Amino acid sequence: MKYICIITLLVLCLILLLLTGCITNTVTPEIDNGNLENQTVEEPATAKVDTTKPVITGSRAPLPNSFGWNNSDVTVSFSCIDVGPVQSGIDINTVTGKTLTTEGKDQSVTNTGECIDAAGNVADPVTVSNINIDKTPPVVIITLPKNGKYKLNESVTGTWSAIDSLSGVKDSKAPKKFNIDTKKKGWKNFTLPPGLAEDEAGNT
């Protein structure tokens, strides 16, 4: 009987607490225009759009001299770069260049492969042009005297000239005339020293 009274008392106390607001079920509302409602507020999503094509840049090595010529092989390289205010990043980069080994004027190299960013924008191909290669030295030719017979003590002057079929002769480094000794009979052989002429590519 004693225990029944205690249990009854506890139940009455709980009922009294609920009625007086001492025990409450608390809900944290969010404010929407001054009204308290049970709702979820979502922030708007921000979308970034990449509409700019990536760029392919070309370079060459070694650089030409002041006349625009090289006297060795020229390697052309390309790079794939993402640009623009919104950059999605490069997704595919297979661009390659080429090494030119053949002599010639106004040669060019266009990249192979692709440069594509993650948004699907494709770069335009790029060409590196005006590549001039001349590896051959100019040729020195003895123009006088002609093969033949000359008198003893006759005044005979030898002359020479230089030609270059590609970059052209830049300058000559020695007099173009020389005297031939005719005081004695016999064949007269003479050889011009190397380095008499230089072309615009730097070959001598």
C-alpha atoms as a PDB file:
ATOM      1  CA  MET A   1       0.000   0.000   0.000  1.00  0.00           C
ATOM      2  CA  LYS A   2       2.929   2.267   0.806  1.00  0.00           C
ATOM      3  CA  TYR A   3       4.538   1.714  -2.608  1.00  0.00           C
ATOM      4  CA  ILE A   4       1.292   2.378  -4.433  1.00  0.00           C
ATOM      5  CA  CYS A   5       1.057   5.782  -2.763  1.00  0.00           C
ATOM      6  CA  ILE A   6       4.591   6.691  -3.744  1.00  0.00           C
ATOM      7  CA  ILE A   7       4.024   5.760  -7.405  1.00  0.00           C
ATOM      8  CA  THR A   8       0.754   7.679  -7.455  1.00  0.00           C
ATOM      9  CA  LEU A   9       2.506  10.709  -6.017  1.00  0.00           C
ATOM     10  CA  LEU A  10       5.221  10.609  -8.658  1.00  0.00           C
ATOM     11  CA  VAL A  11       2.654  10.394 -11.456  1.00  0.00           C
ATOM     12  CA  LEU A  12       0.793  13.378 -10.044  1.00  0.00           C
ATOM     13  CA  CYS A  13       4.035  15.376  -9.853  1.00  0.00           C
ATOM     14  CA  LEU A  14       4.824  14.667 -13.489  1.00  0.00           C
ATOM     15  CA  ILE A  15       1.335  15.713 -14.559  1.00  0.00           C
ATOM     16  CA  LEU A  16       1.677  18.913 -12.553  1.00  0.00           C
ATOM     17  CA  LEU A  17       5.045  19.745 -14.154  1.00  0.00           C
ATOM     18  CA  LEU A  18       3.664  19.266 -17.642  1.00  0.00           C
ATOM     19  CA  LEU A  19       0.683  21.477 -16.924  1.00  0.00           C
ATOM     20  CA  THR A  20       2.811  24.286 -15.504  1.00  0.00           C
ATOM     21  CA  GLY A  21       5.266  24.250 -18.416  1.00  0.00           C
ATOM     22  CA  CYS A  22       8.265  23.054 -16.512  1.00  0.00           C
ATOM     23  CA  ILE A  23       8.796  20.282 -19.025  1.00  0.00           C
ATOM     24  CA  THR A  24       8.498  21.439 -22.627  1.00  0.00           C
ATOM     25  CA  ASN A  25       9.192  20.013 -26.063  1.00  0.00           C
ATOM     26  CA  THR A  26      11.570  22.593 -27.603  1.00  0.00           C
ATOM     27  CA  VAL A  27      11.643  23.136 -31.388  1.00  0.00           C
ATOM     28  CA  THR A  28      14.200  25.512 -32.873  1.00  0.00           C
ATOM     29  CA  PRO A  29      12.449  27.371 -35.686  1.00  0.00           C
ATOM     30  CA  GLU A  30      13.977  29.350 -38.540  1.00  0.00           C
ATOM     31  CA  ILE A  31      12.892  32.896 -39.310  1.00  0.00           C
ATOM     32  CA  ASP A  32      11.193  33.621 -42.638  1.00  0.00           C
ATOM     33  CA  ASN A  33       9.844  37.165 -43.046  1.00  0.00           C
ATOM     34  CA  GLY A  34       9.381  37.488 -39.325  1.00  0.00           C
ATOM     35  CA  ASN A  35       7.363  34.272 -38.991  1.00  0.00           C
ATOM     36  CA  LEU A  36       8.560  31.286 -37.054  1.00  0.00           C
ATOM     37  CA  GLU A  37       8.211  28.138 -39.110  1.00  0.00           C
ATOM     38  CA  ASN A  38       9.808  24.745 -39.176  1.00  0.00           C
ATOM     39  CA  GLN A  39      11.498  24.983 -42.582  1.00  0.00           C
ATOM     40  CA  THR A  40      14.866  24.493 -44.309  1.00  0.00           C
ATOM     41  CA  VAL A  41      16.562  27.435 -46.024  1.00  0.00           C
ATOM     42  CA  GLU A  42      18.830  26.459 -48.958  1.00  0.00           C
ATOM     43  CA  GLU A  43      21.528  28.740 -50.344  1.00  0.00           C
ATOM     44  CA  PRO A  44      21.408  29.221 -54.144  1.00  0.00           C
ATOM     45  CA  ALA A  45      24.013  27.237 -56.101  1.00  0.00           C
ATOM     46  CA  THR A  46      26.637  29.188 -58.082  1.00  0.00           C
ATOM     47  CA  ALA A  47      27.510  27.754 -61.515  1.00  0.00           C
ATOM     48  CA  LYS A  48      30.828  28.566 -63.218  1.00  0.00           C
ATOM     49  CA  VAL A  49      30.996  28.232 -66.987  1.00  0.00           C
ATOM     50  CA  ASP A  50      34.253  28.018 -68.959  1.00  0.00           C
ATOM     51  CA  THR A  51      33.672  29.252 -72.513  1.00  0.00           C
ATOM     52  CA  THR A  52      37.245  30.283 -73.350  1.00  0.00           C
ATOM     53  CA  LYS A  53      39.392  28.131 -75.614  1.00  0.00           C
ATOM     54  CA  PRO A  54      42.776  27.071 -74.279  1.00  0.00           C
ATOM     55  CA  VAL A  55      45.805  28.416 -76.126  1.00  0.00           C
ATOM     56  CA  ILE A  56      48.699  26.650 -77.848  1.00  0.00           C
ATOM     57  CA  THR A  57      51.979  28.572 -77.828  1.00  0.00           C
ATOM     58  CA  GLY A  58      55.000  27.747 -79.971  1.00  0.00           C
ATOM     59  CA  SER A  59      58.713  28.299 -79.502  1.00  0.00           C
ATOM     60  CA  ARG A  60      61.909  27.481 -81.381  1.00  0.00           C
ATOM     61  CA  ALA A  61      65.474  26.720 -80.346  1.00  0.00           C
ATOM     62  CA  PRO A  62      68.020  27.937 -81.024  1.00  0.00           C
ATOM     63  CA  LEU A  63      66.878  31.411 -81.955  1.00  0.00           C
ATOM     64  CA  PRO A  64      68.016  32.803 -85.332  1.00  0.00           C
ATOM     65  CA  ASN A  65      70.878  35.254 -85.686  1.00  0.00           C
ATOM     66  CA  SER A  66      70.429  38.920 -86.535  1.00  0.00           C
ATOM     67  CA  PHE A  67      69.991  38.031 -90.217  1.00  0.00           C
ATOM     68  CA  GLY A  68      67.183  35.571 -89.426  1.00  0.00           C
ATOM     69  CA  TRP A  69      69.210  32.420 -90.122  1.00  0.00           C
ATOM     70  CA  ASN A  70      70.297  29.281 -88.287  1.00  0.00           C
ATOM     71  CA  ASN A  71      73.257  27.120 -89.292  1.00  0.00           C
ATOM     72  CA  SER A  72      72.087  24.084 -87.282  1.00  0.00           C
ATOM     73  CA  ASP A  73      68.953  22.022 -86.665  1.00  0.00           C
ATOM     74  CA  VAL A  74      65.971  23.913 -85.216  1.00  0.00           C
ATOM     75  CA  THR A  75      63.615  22.315 -82.682  1.00  0.00           C
ATOM     76  CA  VAL A  76      60.040  23.638 -82.527  1.00  0.00           C
ATOM     77  CA  SER A  77      58.078  22.969 -79.316  1.00  0.00           C
ATOM     78  CA  PHE A  78      54.475  23.678 -78.304  1.00  0.00           C
ATOM     79  CA  SER A  79      52.677  24.186 -74.975  1.00  0.00           C
ATOM     80  CA  CYS A  80      48.977  23.827 -74.089  1.00  0.00           C
ATOM     81  CA  ILE A  81      47.723  26.498 -71.652  1.00  0.00           C
ATOM     82  CA  ASP A  82      44.279  27.128 -70.126  1.00  0.00           C
ATOM     83  CA  VAL A  83      43.278  30.809 -70.129  1.00  0.00           C
ATOM     84  CA  GLY A  84      40.265  33.016 -69.423  1.00  0.00           C
ATOM     85  CA  PRO A  85      38.371  34.318 -66.371  1.00  0.00           C
ATOM     86  CA  VAL A  86      37.027  30.825 -65.611  1.00  0.00           C
ATOM     87  CA  GLN A  87      39.531  28.021 -66.087  1.00  0.00           C
ATOM     88  CA  SER A  88      38.300  24.446 -65.953  1.00  0.00           C
ATOM     89  CA  GLY A  89      41.804  23.038 -66.396  1.00  0.00           C
ATOM     90  CA  ILE A  90      43.467  21.155 -69.239  1.00  0.00           C
ATOM     91  CA  ASP A  91      41.923  17.733 -69.808  1.00  0.00           C
ATOM     92  CA  ILE A  92      43.748  16.541 -72.955  1.00  0.00           C
ATOM     93  CA  ASN A  93      47.225  17.668 -73.969  1.00  0.00           C
ATOM     94  CA  THR A  94      48.844  15.733 -76.801  1.00  0.00           C
ATOM     95  CA  VAL A  95      50.435  18.632 -78.683  1.00  0.00           C
ATOM     96  CA  THR A  96      53.884  17.921 -80.102  1.00  0.00           C
ATOM     97  CA  GLY A  97      56.413  19.737 -82.260  1.00  0.00           C
ATOM     98  CA  LYS A  98      59.200  18.753 -84.611  1.00  0.00           C
ATOM     99  CA  THR A  99      62.914  19.170 -85.247  1.00  0.00           C
ATOM    100  CA  LEU A 100      63.829  20.599 -88.646  1.00  0.00           C
ATOM    101  CA  THR A 101      67.074  19.197 -90.021  1.00  0.00           C
ATOM    102  CA  THR A 102      66.794  20.123 -93.698  1.00  0.00           C
ATOM    103  CA  GLU A 103      68.257  23.287 -95.155  1.00  0.00           C
ATOM    104  CA  GLY A 104      65.762  25.727 -96.580  1.00  0.00           C
ATOM    105  CA  LYS A 105      64.203  29.164 -96.382  1.00  0.00           C
ATOM    106  CA  ASP A 106      60.791  30.084 -94.930  1.00  0.00           C
ATOM    107  CA  GLN A 107      60.146  26.702 -93.365  1.00  0.00           C
ATOM    108  CA  SER A 108      57.346  26.227 -90.831  1.00  0.00           C
ATOM    109  CA  VAL A 109      56.009  23.727 -88.299  1.00  0.00           C
ATOM    110  CA  THR A 110      52.366  23.335 -87.194  1.00  0.00           C
ATOM    111  CA  ASN A 111      51.622  21.472 -83.992  1.00  0.00           C
ATOM    112  CA  THR A 112      50.134  18.003 -84.043  1.00  0.00           C
ATOM    113  CA  GLY A 113      47.858  16.622 -81.328  1.00  0.00           C
ATOM    114  CA  GLU A 114      45.080  18.278 -79.327  1.00  0.00           C
ATOM    115  CA  CYS A 115      44.721  20.797 -76.511  1.00  0.00           C
ATOM    116  CA  ILE A 116      41.294  20.501 -74.813  1.00  0.00           C
ATOM    117  CA  ASP A 117      40.130  21.820 -71.450  1.00  0.00           C
ATOM    118  CA  ALA A 118      37.754  20.075 -69.027  1.00  0.00           C
ATOM    119  CA  ALA A 119      34.802  22.072 -70.405  1.00  0.00           C
ATOM    120  CA  GLY A 120      35.404  20.680 -73.899  1.00  0.00           C
ATOM    121  CA  ASN A 121      36.863  23.826 -75.447  1.00  0.00           C
ATOM    122  CA  VAL A 122      39.418  22.988 -78.164  1.00  0.00           C
ATOM    123  CA  ALA A 123      42.458  25.167 -78.865  1.00  0.00           C
ATOM    124  CA  ASP A 124      43.225  26.351 -82.385  1.00  0.00           C
ATOM    125  CA  PRO A 125      46.392  24.960 -84.012  1.00  0.00           C
ATOM    126  CA  VAL A 126      49.488  27.156 -84.091  1.00  0.00           C
ATOM    127  CA  THR A 127      52.243  27.459 -86.707  1.00  0.00           C
ATOM    128  CA  VAL A 128      55.803  28.617 -86.078  1.00  0.00           C
ATOM    129  CA  SER A 129      57.069  30.045 -89.372  1.00  0.00           C
ATOM    130  CA  ASN A 130      59.970  31.963 -90.933  1.00  0.00           C
ATOM    131  CA  ILE A 131      62.512  29.285 -90.080  1.00  0.00           C
ATOM    132  CA  ASN A 132      65.636  29.585 -92.243  1.00  0.00           C
ATOM    133  CA  ILE A 133      68.388  26.960 -92.078  1.00  0.00           C
ATOM    134  CA  ASP A 134      71.689  27.110 -93.975  1.00  0.00           C
ATOM    135  CA  LYS A 135      74.435  24.691 -92.907  1.00  0.00           C
ATOM    136  CA  THR A 136      76.612  24.953 -96.010  1.00  0.00           C
ATOM    137  CA  PRO A 137      79.583  27.364 -96.130  1.00  0.00           C
ATOM    138  CA  PRO A 138      79.941  29.655 -99.126  1.00  0.00           C
ATOM    139  CA  VAL A 139      82.079  28.466-102.020  1.00  0.00           C
ATOM    140  CA  VAL A 140      85.196  30.379-103.040  1.00  0.00           C
ATOM    141  CA  ILE A 141      85.973  30.278-106.770  1.00  0.00           C
ATOM    142  CA  ILE A 142      89.207  31.371-108.466  1.00  0.00           C
ATOM    143  CA  THR A 143      88.036  33.393-111.432  1.00  0.00           C
ATOM    144  CA  LEU A 144      91.472  34.418-112.820  1.00  0.00           C
ATOM    145  CA  PRO A 145      93.834  33.440-114.245  1.00  0.00           C
ATOM    146  CA  LYS A 146      92.316  30.966-116.637  1.00  0.00           C
ATOM    147  CA  ASN A 147      94.138  27.740-117.331  1.00  0.00           C
ATOM    148  CA  GLY A 148      96.641  28.360-120.102  1.00  0.00           C
ATOM    149  CA  LYS A 149     100.163  29.491-121.016  1.00  0.00           C
ATOM    150  CA  TYR A 150     101.737  32.746-119.906  1.00  0.00           C
ATOM    151  CA  LYS A 151     105.083  34.371-120.724  1.00  0.00           C
ATOM    152  CA  LEU A 152     107.989  34.602-118.334  1.00  0.00           C
ATOM    153  CA  ASN A 153     107.831  37.701-116.164  1.00  0.00           C
ATOM    154  CA  GLU A 154     104.357  38.436-117.455  1.00  0.00           C
ATOM    155  CA  SER A 155     102.136  40.259-114.996  1.00  0.00           C
ATOM    156  CA  VAL A 156      99.422  37.824-114.036  1.00  0.00           C
ATOM    157  CA  THR A 157      96.872  38.661-111.360  1.00  0.00           C
ATOM    158  CA  GLY A 158      94.661  36.100-109.719  1.00  0.00           C
ATOM    159  CA  THR A 159      91.160  36.923-108.500  1.00  0.00           C
ATOM    160  CA  TRP A 160      88.542  35.039-106.553  1.00  0.00           C
ATOM    161  CA  SER A 161      84.901  35.418-105.593  1.00  0.00           C
ATOM    162  CA  ALA A 162      82.518  33.763-103.165  1.00  0.00           C
ATOM    163  CA  ILE A 163      79.011  32.497-103.815  1.00  0.00           C
ATOM    164  CA  ASP A 164      76.327  31.157-101.497  1.00  0.00           C
ATOM    165  CA  SER A 165      73.121  29.743-102.886  1.00  0.00           C
ATOM    166  CA  LEU A 166      71.000  29.996 -99.737  1.00  0.00           C
ATOM    167  CA  SER A 167      71.575  32.714 -97.137  1.00  0.00           C
ATOM    168  CA  GLY A 168      73.993  34.702 -99.304  1.00  0.00           C
ATOM    169  CA  VAL A 169      77.537  35.941 -98.735  1.00  0.00           C
ATOM    170  CA  LYS A 170      77.800  38.399 -95.869  1.00  0.00           C
ATOM    171  CA  ASP A 171      81.363  39.587 -96.383  1.00  0.00           C
ATOM    172  CA  SER A 172      84.817  38.622 -97.560  1.00  0.00           C
ATOM    173  CA  LYS A 173      87.749  38.631 -95.185  1.00  0.00           C
ATOM    174  CA  ALA A 174      90.707  39.025 -97.571  1.00  0.00           C
ATOM    175  CA  PRO A 175      91.690  40.932-100.706  1.00  0.00           C
ATOM    176  CA  LYS A 176      90.146  39.425-103.800  1.00  0.00           C
ATOM    177  CA  LYS A 177      93.276  39.885-105.891  1.00  0.00           C
ATOM    178  CA  PHE A 178      96.716  38.308-105.629  1.00  0.00           C
ATOM    179  CA  ASN A 179      99.826  38.301-107.840  1.00  0.00           C
ATOM    180  CA  ILE A 180     101.230  35.160-109.444  1.00  0.00           C
ATOM    181  CA  ASP A 181     104.991  34.670-109.767  1.00  0.00           C
ATOM    182  CA  THR A 182     105.935  34.122-113.448  1.00  0.00           C
ATOM    183  CA  LYS A 183     109.724  34.391-113.106  1.00  0.00           C
ATOM    184  CA  LYS A 184     110.236  30.659-113.574  1.00  0.00           C
ATOM    185  CA  LYS A 185     108.848  28.135-116.003  1.00  0.00           C
ATOM    186  CA  GLY A 186     106.446  25.461-114.858  1.00  0.00           C
ATOM    187  CA  TRP A 187     102.983  24.920-113.474  1.00  0.00           C
ATOM    188  CA  LYS A 188     101.853  27.411-110.895  1.00  0.00           C
ATOM    189  CA  ASN A 189      99.628  25.941-108.202  1.00  0.00           C
ATOM    190  CA  PHE A 190      98.101  28.065-105.513  1.00  0.00           C
ATOM    191  CA  THR A 191      95.520  27.488-102.793  1.00  0.00           C
ATOM    192  CA  LEU A 192      93.360  30.036-101.058  1.00  0.00           C
ATOM    193  CA  PRO A 193      93.246  29.791 -97.254  1.00  0.00           C
ATOM    194  CA  PRO A 194      89.992  28.801 -95.520  1.00  0.00           C
ATOM    195  CA  GLY A 195      87.688  31.349 -93.943  1.00  0.00           C
ATOM    196  CA  LEU A 196      87.868  33.918 -96.717  1.00  0.00           C
ATOM    197  CA  ALA A 197      84.096  34.367 -96.893  1.00  0.00           C
ATOM    198  CA  GLU A 198      81.166  34.092 -94.495  1.00  0.00           C
ATOM    199  CA  ASP A 199      77.491  33.732 -95.310  1.00  0.00           C
ATOM    200  CA  GLU A 200      74.597  35.310 -93.402  1.00  0.00           C
ATOM    201  CA  ALA A 201      73.998  32.083 -91.487  1.00  0.00           C
ATOM    202  CA  GLY A 202      77.494  32.276 -89.995  1.00  0.00           C
ATOM    203  CA  ASN A 203      79.104  29.551 -92.098  1.00  0.00           C
ATOM    204  CA  THR A 204      82.677  30.268 -93.258  1.00  0.00           C
END
